Amino acid sequence: MNLDPDVDLEEFVQMKDDLSGADIKSMCTEAGLLALRERRMRVTKKDFTTARERVIDRKQDGAPQGLYL
């Protein structure tokens, strides 16, 4: 994944959002997919910000109730 020069990964990792390593991996994957959907070869800070919001939203929603029955 190629990063745009404006991306500072330390900034995203050090935010106090209670993200696990798996959440950070999911955030990176989501950011890459956002860039690919727009047919870009570089991931921007906006992609990471959007991906972070999506990961946090999914984490707060939790797993569906009927999934593990």
N, C-alpha and C. Protein backbone atom coordinates (compact mmCIF):
# COMPACT_ATOMS: atom_id res chain seq x y z
N MET A 1 0.85 -1.16 0.00
CA MET A 1 0.00 0.00 0.00
C MET A 1 0.90 1.23 0.00
N ASN A 2 0.76 2.08 -0.98
CA ASN A 2 1.53 3.31 -1.05
C ASN A 2 0.79 4.41 -0.31
N LEU A 3 1.52 5.15 0.50
CA LEU A 3 0.91 6.21 1.30
C LEU A 3 1.20 7.57 0.70
N ASP A 4 0.21 8.43 0.76
CA ASP A 4 0.40 9.82 0.37
C ASP A 4 1.32 10.47 1.41
N PRO A 5 2.11 11.45 1.03
CA PRO A 5 3.04 12.07 1.99
C PRO A 5 2.37 12.69 3.21
N ASP A 6 1.08 13.03 3.11
CA ASP A 6 0.39 13.66 4.24
C ASP A 6 -0.04 12.66 5.32
N VAL A 7 0.12 11.37 5.09
CA VAL A 7 -0.30 10.34 6.04
C VAL A 7 0.75 10.16 7.13
N ASP A 8 0.31 10.27 8.39
CA ASP A 8 1.17 10.03 9.55
C ASP A 8 0.55 8.88 10.35
N LEU A 9 1.07 7.68 10.17
CA LEU A 9 0.50 6.50 10.83
C LEU A 9 0.58 6.58 12.35
N GLU A 10 1.64 7.18 12.86
CA GLU A 10 1.78 7.32 14.32
C GLU A 10 0.60 8.10 14.91
N GLU A 11 0.13 9.10 14.18
CA GLU A 11 -1.00 9.90 14.63
C GLU A 11 -2.24 9.03 14.83
N PHE A 12 -2.50 8.14 13.88
CA PHE A 12 -3.69 7.29 13.97
C PHE A 12 -3.54 6.22 15.04
N VAL A 13 -2.36 5.66 15.18
CA VAL A 13 -2.14 4.59 16.14
C VAL A 13 -2.19 5.12 17.57
N GLN A 14 -1.71 6.33 17.79
CA GLN A 14 -1.64 6.87 19.14
C GLN A 14 -2.93 7.52 19.61
N MET A 15 -3.94 7.64 18.77
CA MET A 15 -5.22 8.18 19.20
C MET A 15 -5.82 7.26 20.25
N LYS A 16 -6.42 7.83 21.25
CA LYS A 16 -6.96 7.06 22.37
C LYS A 16 -8.37 6.58 22.07
N ASP A 17 -8.48 5.64 21.15
CA ASP A 17 -9.78 5.10 20.77
C ASP A 17 -9.98 3.66 21.24
N ASP A 18 -9.05 3.16 22.04
CA ASP A 18 -9.14 1.79 22.54
C ASP A 18 -9.21 0.78 21.39
N LEU A 19 -8.35 0.97 20.39
CA LEU A 19 -8.31 0.06 19.24
C LEU A 19 -7.29 -1.04 19.48
N SER A 20 -7.66 -2.25 19.15
CA SER A 20 -6.75 -3.39 19.26
C SER A 20 -5.89 -3.46 18.00
N GLY A 21 -4.95 -4.37 17.99
CA GLY A 21 -4.13 -4.58 16.80
C GLY A 21 -4.98 -5.01 15.61
N ALA A 22 -5.99 -5.84 15.87
CA ALA A 22 -6.89 -6.28 14.80
C ALA A 22 -7.69 -5.10 14.25
N ASP A 23 -8.09 -4.18 15.13
CA ASP A 23 -8.81 -2.99 14.68
C ASP A 23 -7.93 -2.11 13.80
N ILE A 24 -6.67 -1.97 14.17
CA ILE A 24 -5.74 -1.16 13.38
C ILE A 24 -5.51 -1.81 12.01
N LYS A 25 -5.40 -3.14 12.00
CA LYS A 25 -5.25 -3.85 10.72
C LYS A 25 -6.49 -3.64 9.86
N SER A 26 -7.66 -3.73 10.46
CA SER A 26 -8.91 -3.51 9.74
C SER A 26 -8.98 -2.09 9.19
N MET A 27 -8.51 -1.13 9.97
CA MET A 27 -8.49 0.26 9.53
C MET A 27 -7.59 0.44 8.31
N CYS A 28 -6.42 -0.18 8.33
CA CYS A 28 -5.49 -0.09 7.19
C CYS A 28 -6.07 -0.75 5.94
N THR A 29 -6.70 -1.90 6.12
CA THR A 29 -7.32 -2.60 4.99
C THR A 29 -8.45 -1.77 4.40
N GLU A 30 -9.28 -1.22 5.27
CA GLU A 30 -10.40 -0.39 4.82
C GLU A 30 -9.91 0.84 4.07
N ALA A 31 -8.86 1.48 4.58
CA ALA A 31 -8.30 2.67 3.91
C ALA A 31 -7.79 2.31 2.52
N GLY A 32 -7.13 1.17 2.41
CA GLY A 32 -6.64 0.72 1.11
C GLY A 32 -7.77 0.44 0.13
N LEU A 33 -8.84 -0.17 0.63
CA LEU A 33 -9.99 -0.45 -0.23
C LEU A 33 -10.68 0.83 -0.68
N LEU A 34 -10.73 1.83 0.19
CA LEU A 34 -11.32 3.11 -0.20
C LEU A 34 -10.54 3.73 -1.35
N ALA A 35 -9.22 3.66 -1.28
CA ALA A 35 -8.38 4.20 -2.36
C ALA A 35 -8.60 3.41 -3.65
N LEU A 36 -8.67 2.09 -3.55
CA LEU A 36 -8.87 1.26 -4.74
C LEU A 36 -10.22 1.52 -5.41
N ARG A 37 -11.24 1.74 -4.59
CA ARG A 37 -12.57 2.02 -5.16
C ARG A 37 -12.56 3.29 -6.01
N GLU A 38 -11.68 4.22 -5.65
CA GLU A 38 -11.56 5.46 -6.43
C GLU A 38 -10.44 5.37 -7.46
N ARG A 39 -9.91 4.16 -7.63
CA ARG A 39 -8.85 3.87 -8.62
C ARG A 39 -7.60 4.71 -8.40
N ARG A 40 -7.23 4.87 -7.14
CA ARG A 40 -6.00 5.58 -6.80
C ARG A 40 -4.95 4.59 -6.35
N MET A 41 -3.70 4.93 -6.57
CA MET A 41 -2.58 4.08 -6.18
C MET A 41 -2.01 4.47 -4.83
N ARG A 42 -2.48 5.57 -4.25
CA ARG A 42 -1.98 6.04 -2.96
C ARG A 42 -3.14 6.21 -1.98
N VAL A 43 -2.89 5.87 -0.73
CA VAL A 43 -3.88 6.03 0.32
C VAL A 43 -3.64 7.38 0.99
N THR A 44 -4.70 8.15 1.15
CA THR A 44 -4.58 9.49 1.71
C THR A 44 -4.99 9.52 3.18
N LYS A 45 -4.74 10.64 3.80
CA LYS A 45 -5.14 10.83 5.20
C LYS A 45 -6.66 10.76 5.33
N LYS A 46 -7.36 11.27 4.33
CA LYS A 46 -8.83 11.21 4.34
C LYS A 46 -9.31 9.76 4.34
N ASP A 47 -8.63 8.89 3.59
CA ASP A 47 -8.99 7.47 3.57
C ASP A 47 -8.85 6.86 4.96
N PHE A 48 -7.75 7.18 5.64
CA PHE A 48 -7.54 6.64 6.98
C PHE A 48 -8.56 7.19 7.97
N THR A 49 -8.90 8.46 7.83
CA THR A 49 -9.88 9.06 8.73
C THR A 49 -11.24 8.39 8.55
N THR A 50 -11.65 8.20 7.31
CA THR A 50 -12.93 7.54 7.02
C THR A 50 -12.91 6.09 7.51
N ALA A 51 -11.82 5.40 7.26
CA ALA A 51 -11.69 4.00 7.70
C ALA A 51 -11.74 3.90 9.22
N ARG A 52 -11.07 4.82 9.91
CA ARG A 52 -11.08 4.82 11.37
C ARG A 52 -12.49 4.99 11.91
N GLU A 53 -13.25 5.91 11.32
CA GLU A 53 -14.63 6.12 11.75
C GLU A 53 -15.47 4.87 11.54
N ARG A 54 -15.28 4.21 10.41
CA ARG A 54 -16.05 2.99 10.12
C ARG A 54 -15.70 1.87 11.09
N VAL A 55 -14.42 1.70 11.40
CA VAL A 55 -14.00 0.64 12.32
C VAL A 55 -14.56 0.91 13.71
N ILE A 56 -14.51 2.15 14.16
CA ILE A 56 -15.04 2.49 15.48
C ILE A 56 -16.54 2.28 15.52
N ASP A 57 -17.25 2.67 14.45
CA ASP A 57 -18.70 2.45 14.40
C ASP A 57 -19.04 0.96 14.48
N ARG A 58 -18.30 0.13 13.72
CA ARG A 58 -18.54 -1.32 13.76
C ARG A 58 -18.24 -1.89 15.13
N LYS A 59 -17.20 -1.38 15.76
CA LYS A 59 -16.81 -1.89 17.08
C LYS A 59 -17.87 -1.53 18.12
N GLN A 60 -18.44 -0.35 18.03
CA GLN A 60 -19.46 0.08 18.98
C GLN A 60 -20.78 -0.65 18.77
N ASP A 61 -21.07 -0.99 17.52
CA ASP A 61 -22.31 -1.71 17.22
C ASP A 61 -22.27 -3.14 17.75
N GLY A 62 -21.10 -3.74 17.78
CA GLY A 62 -20.96 -5.10 18.27
C GLY A 62 -21.41 -6.13 17.24
N ALA A 63 -21.34 -7.39 17.63
CA ALA A 63 -21.73 -8.48 16.73
C ALA A 63 -23.25 -8.64 16.74
N PRO A 64 -23.82 -9.07 15.65
CA PRO A 64 -25.26 -9.34 15.62
C PRO A 64 -25.63 -10.40 16.65
N GLN A 65 -26.81 -10.27 17.23
CA GLN A 65 -27.25 -11.17 18.30
C GLN A 65 -27.37 -12.62 17.84
N GLY A 66 -27.86 -12.86 16.64
CA GLY A 66 -28.12 -14.22 16.19
C GLY A 66 -26.94 -14.92 15.54
N LEU A 67 -25.81 -14.27 15.45
CA LEU A 67 -24.68 -14.83 14.72
C LEU A 67 -24.11 -16.08 15.37
N TYR A 68 -24.03 -16.11 16.68
CA TYR A 68 -23.34 -17.20 17.37
C TYR A 68 -24.29 -18.16 18.08
N LEU A 69 -25.53 -18.22 17.67
CA LEU A 69 -26.48 -19.12 18.33
C LEU A 69 -26.35 -20.53 17.87
